[in-house]
Amino acid sequence: MTAPVTVKIEEKKRMWQSSVFTLSFLLPSDYQMTPPQPTDNRVYFTEMPDMKVYVRSYGGWMMSLTSSVNSMLLKRQLDKVQATYNKDYHYAVGYDSPMKILNRHNEVWYMVEGEPVCPTSS
């Protein structure tokens, strides 16, 4: 399995609306020039553009209440410093094998819009 695994999560507009998740795996460099042909039409290849993101790291499992809490905390921090970012979706990003139980590393990403805001820490 390659890492990181990214999950694009659309922000829900209403409680009753279902979420849409797009799961992405990195293609190993040996296969990038001639990728294998998917056998399922729901599987496709895309290129991730270069992007600047605001990041919050956390432990535990990526797709859990912890992920939602960290997403909300990052949004709160960004709003506090008046950062501009894409509010339509965010990425949940996992770096560990599903077999790893302890000391997991995950991140939540919001894409920067315009110039990034980098406040000084005190």
C-alpha atoms as a PDB file:
ATOM      1  CA  MET A   1       0.000   0.000   0.000  1.00  0.00           C
ATOM      2  CA  THR A   2       1.271   3.479  -0.786  1.00  0.00           C
ATOM      3  CA  ALA A   3       1.175   6.451   1.536  1.00  0.00           C
ATOM      4  CA  PRO A   4      -0.253   8.861   2.074  1.00  0.00           C
ATOM      5  CA  VAL A   5      -3.816   7.854   1.347  1.00  0.00           C
ATOM      6  CA  THR A   6      -5.962  10.935   0.754  1.00  0.00           C
ATOM      7  CA  VAL A   7      -9.712  11.107   1.177  1.00  0.00           C
ATOM      8  CA  LYS A   8     -11.457  14.130  -0.313  1.00  0.00           C
ATOM      9  CA  ILE A   9     -14.484  14.895   1.845  1.00  0.00           C
ATOM     10  CA  GLU A  10     -17.170  17.279   0.687  1.00  0.00           C
ATOM     11  CA  GLU A  11     -18.459  19.496   3.455  1.00  0.00           C
ATOM     12  CA  LYS A  12     -22.066  18.702   4.297  1.00  0.00           C
ATOM     13  CA  LYS A  13     -24.465  21.559   3.752  1.00  0.00           C
ATOM     14  CA  ARG A  14     -27.361  19.968   5.673  1.00  0.00           C
ATOM     15  CA  MET A  15     -27.504  17.204   8.261  1.00  0.00           C
ATOM     16  CA  TRP A  16     -29.669  14.975   6.033  1.00  0.00           C
ATOM     17  CA  GLN A  17     -27.394  15.205   2.988  1.00  0.00           C
ATOM     18  CA  SER A  18     -25.042  12.297   2.473  1.00  0.00           C
ATOM     19  CA  SER A  19     -21.305  12.890   2.271  1.00  0.00           C
ATOM     20  CA  VAL A  20     -19.266  12.140  -0.834  1.00  0.00           C
ATOM     21  CA  PHE A  21     -15.802  10.645  -0.337  1.00  0.00           C
ATOM     22  CA  THR A  22     -13.091  10.297  -2.994  1.00  0.00           C
ATOM     23  CA  LEU A  23     -10.303   7.935  -1.921  1.00  0.00           C
ATOM     24  CA  SER A  24      -6.888   8.321  -3.601  1.00  0.00           C
ATOM     25  CA  PHE A  25      -3.754   6.195  -3.504  1.00  0.00           C
ATOM     26  CA  LEU A  26      -0.370   7.198  -4.892  1.00  0.00           C
ATOM     27  CA  LEU A  27       0.720   5.228  -7.925  1.00  0.00           C
ATOM     28  CA  PRO A  28       4.239   3.839  -7.370  1.00  0.00           C
ATOM     29  CA  SER A  29       6.848   5.464  -9.601  1.00  0.00           C
ATOM     30  CA  ASP A  30       7.489   2.190 -11.482  1.00  0.00           C
ATOM     31  CA  TYR A  31       3.930   2.355 -12.871  1.00  0.00           C
ATOM     32  CA  GLN A  32       3.509   6.064 -13.557  1.00  0.00           C
ATOM     33  CA  MET A  33       4.671   6.025 -17.192  1.00  0.00           C
ATOM     34  CA  THR A  34       2.436   3.065 -18.106  1.00  0.00           C
ATOM     35  CA  PRO A  35      -0.248   2.651 -15.435  1.00  0.00           C
ATOM     36  CA  PRO A  36      -2.284  -0.553 -15.375  1.00  0.00           C
ATOM     37  CA  GLN A  37      -5.752  -0.414 -16.910  1.00  0.00           C
ATOM     38  CA  PRO A  38      -8.473  -0.477 -14.204  1.00  0.00           C
ATOM     39  CA  THR A  39     -11.018  -3.296 -14.493  1.00  0.00           C
ATOM     40  CA  ASP A  40     -13.696  -1.359 -12.597  1.00  0.00           C
ATOM     41  CA  ASN A  41     -15.140   1.778 -14.210  1.00  0.00           C
ATOM     42  CA  ARG A  42     -15.328   3.463 -10.794  1.00  0.00           C
ATOM     43  CA  VAL A  43     -11.522   3.366 -10.582  1.00  0.00           C
ATOM     44  CA  TYR A  44      -9.660   6.029 -12.519  1.00  0.00           C
ATOM     45  CA  PHE A  45      -6.352   7.876 -12.567  1.00  0.00           C
ATOM     46  CA  THR A  46      -5.973  11.583 -11.853  1.00  0.00           C
ATOM     47  CA  GLU A  47      -3.055  13.875 -11.230  1.00  0.00           C
ATOM     48  CA  MET A  48      -3.075  15.935  -8.076  1.00  0.00           C
ATOM     49  CA  PRO A  49      -2.101  19.507  -8.863  1.00  0.00           C
ATOM     50  CA  ASP A  50       0.577  21.298  -6.881  1.00  0.00           C
ATOM     51  CA  MET A  51      -1.222  22.929  -3.999  1.00  0.00           C
ATOM     52  CA  LYS A  52      -0.676  24.802  -0.782  1.00  0.00           C
ATOM     53  CA  VAL A  53      -2.607  23.450   2.167  1.00  0.00           C
ATOM     54  CA  TYR A  54      -3.221  24.305   5.783  1.00  0.00           C
ATOM     55  CA  VAL A  55      -2.480  21.201   7.852  1.00  0.00           C
ATOM     56  CA  ARG A  56      -3.415  19.910  11.276  1.00  0.00           C
ATOM     57  CA  SER A  57      -1.800  16.638  12.439  1.00  0.00           C
ATOM     58  CA  TYR A  58      -3.409  14.166  14.822  1.00  0.00           C
ATOM     59  CA  GLY A  59      -3.130  10.556  15.979  1.00  0.00           C
ATOM     60  CA  GLY A  60      -5.678   7.762  16.043  1.00  0.00           C
ATOM     61  CA  TRP A  61      -7.758   6.572  13.116  1.00  0.00           C
ATOM     62  CA  MET A  62      -8.301   8.753  10.063  1.00  0.00           C
ATOM     63  CA  MET A  63     -12.021   8.191   9.449  1.00  0.00           C
ATOM     64  CA  SER A  64     -13.456   8.690  12.904  1.00  0.00           C
ATOM     65  CA  LEU A  65     -14.940  11.303  15.183  1.00  0.00           C
ATOM     66  CA  THR A  66     -11.349  12.383  15.875  1.00  0.00           C
ATOM     67  CA  SER A  67     -10.988  13.298  12.199  1.00  0.00           C
ATOM     68  CA  SER A  68     -14.152  15.419  12.293  1.00  0.00           C
ATOM     69  CA  VAL A  69     -13.035  17.160  15.474  1.00  0.00           C
ATOM     70  CA  ASN A  70      -9.617  17.991  13.999  1.00  0.00           C
ATOM     71  CA  SER A  71     -11.234  19.288  10.820  1.00  0.00           C
ATOM     72  CA  MET A  72     -13.438  21.588  12.891  1.00  0.00           C
ATOM     73  CA  LEU A  73     -10.479  22.744  15.022  1.00  0.00           C
ATOM     74  CA  LEU A  74      -8.407  23.591  11.944  1.00  0.00           C
ATOM     75  CA  LYS A  75     -11.324  25.529  10.426  1.00  0.00           C
ATOM     76  CA  ARG A  76     -11.731  27.430  13.685  1.00  0.00           C
ATOM     77  CA  GLN A  77      -8.005  28.333  13.726  1.00  0.00           C
ATOM     78  CA  LEU A  78      -8.103  29.440  10.082  1.00  0.00           C
ATOM     79  CA  ASP A  79     -11.188  31.581  10.620  1.00  0.00           C
ATOM     80  CA  LYS A  80      -9.588  33.170  13.694  1.00  0.00           C
ATOM     81  CA  VAL A  81      -6.637  34.438  11.613  1.00  0.00           C
ATOM     82  CA  GLN A  82      -8.919  35.314   8.668  1.00  0.00           C
ATOM     83  CA  ALA A  83      -7.237  32.831   6.335  1.00  0.00           C
ATOM     84  CA  THR A  84      -8.876  32.209   2.981  1.00  0.00           C
ATOM     85  CA  TYR A  85      -9.325  28.538   2.139  1.00  0.00           C
ATOM     86  CA  ASN A  86     -11.636  26.274   0.172  1.00  0.00           C
ATOM     87  CA  LYS A  87     -14.665  25.607   2.372  1.00  0.00           C
ATOM     88  CA  ASP A  88     -16.380  23.189  -0.043  1.00  0.00           C
ATOM     89  CA  TYR A  89     -14.214  20.200   0.872  1.00  0.00           C
ATOM     90  CA  HIS A  90     -11.149  19.094   2.791  1.00  0.00           C
ATOM     91  CA  TYR A  91      -8.770  16.140   2.744  1.00  0.00           C
ATOM     92  CA  ALA A  92      -8.322  13.506   5.428  1.00  0.00           C
ATOM     93  CA  VAL A  93      -4.828  12.094   4.989  1.00  0.00           C
ATOM     94  CA  GLY A  94      -3.459   8.877   6.477  1.00  0.00           C
ATOM     95  CA  TYR A  95       0.168   7.785   6.507  1.00  0.00           C
ATOM     96  CA  ASP A  96       0.039   4.418   8.282  1.00  0.00           C
ATOM     97  CA  SER A  97      -0.809   0.831   7.401  1.00  0.00           C
ATOM     98  CA  PRO A  98      -4.195  -0.356   8.694  1.00  0.00           C
ATOM     99  CA  MET A  99      -2.180  -2.922  10.696  1.00  0.00           C
ATOM    100  CA  LYS A 100      -0.473  -0.222  12.752  1.00  0.00           C
ATOM    101  CA  ILE A 101      -2.379   0.204  15.997  1.00  0.00           C
ATOM    102  CA  LEU A 102      -0.403   2.766  18.018  1.00  0.00           C
ATOM    103  CA  ASN A 103       1.369   6.056  17.239  1.00  0.00           C
ATOM    104  CA  ARG A 104      -0.565   6.661  14.034  1.00  0.00           C
ATOM    105  CA  HIS A 105      -0.045   9.857  11.996  1.00  0.00           C
ATOM    106  CA  ASN A 106      -2.927  11.527  10.186  1.00  0.00           C
ATOM    107  CA  GLU A 107      -3.612  15.012   8.899  1.00  0.00           C
ATOM    108  CA  VAL A 108      -6.510  17.154   7.821  1.00  0.00           C
ATOM    109  CA  TRP A 109      -5.867  19.536   4.890  1.00  0.00           C
ATOM    110  CA  TYR A 110      -7.729  22.612   3.700  1.00  0.00           C
ATOM    111  CA  MET A 111      -6.582  24.088   0.400  1.00  0.00           C
ATOM    112  CA  VAL A 112      -5.226  27.633   0.571  1.00  0.00           C
ATOM    113  CA  GLU A 113      -6.968  30.230  -1.571  1.00  0.00           C
ATOM    114  CA  GLY A 114      -4.811  33.244  -2.375  1.00  0.00           C
ATOM    115  CA  GLU A 115      -1.735  33.814  -0.253  1.00  0.00           C
ATOM    116  CA  PRO A 116      -1.296  31.648   2.852  1.00  0.00           C
ATOM    117  CA  VAL A 117      -1.624  33.249   6.258  1.00  0.00           C
ATOM    118  CA  CYS A 118       1.179  32.224   8.602  1.00  0.00           C
ATOM    119  CA  PRO A 119       0.676  33.911  11.977  1.00  0.00           C
ATOM    120  CA  THR A 120       3.584  34.041  14.375  1.00  0.00           C
ATOM    121  CA  SER A 121       3.281  31.688  17.318  1.00  0.00           C
ATOM    122  CA  SER A 122       3.643  33.024  20.824  1.00  0.00           C
END
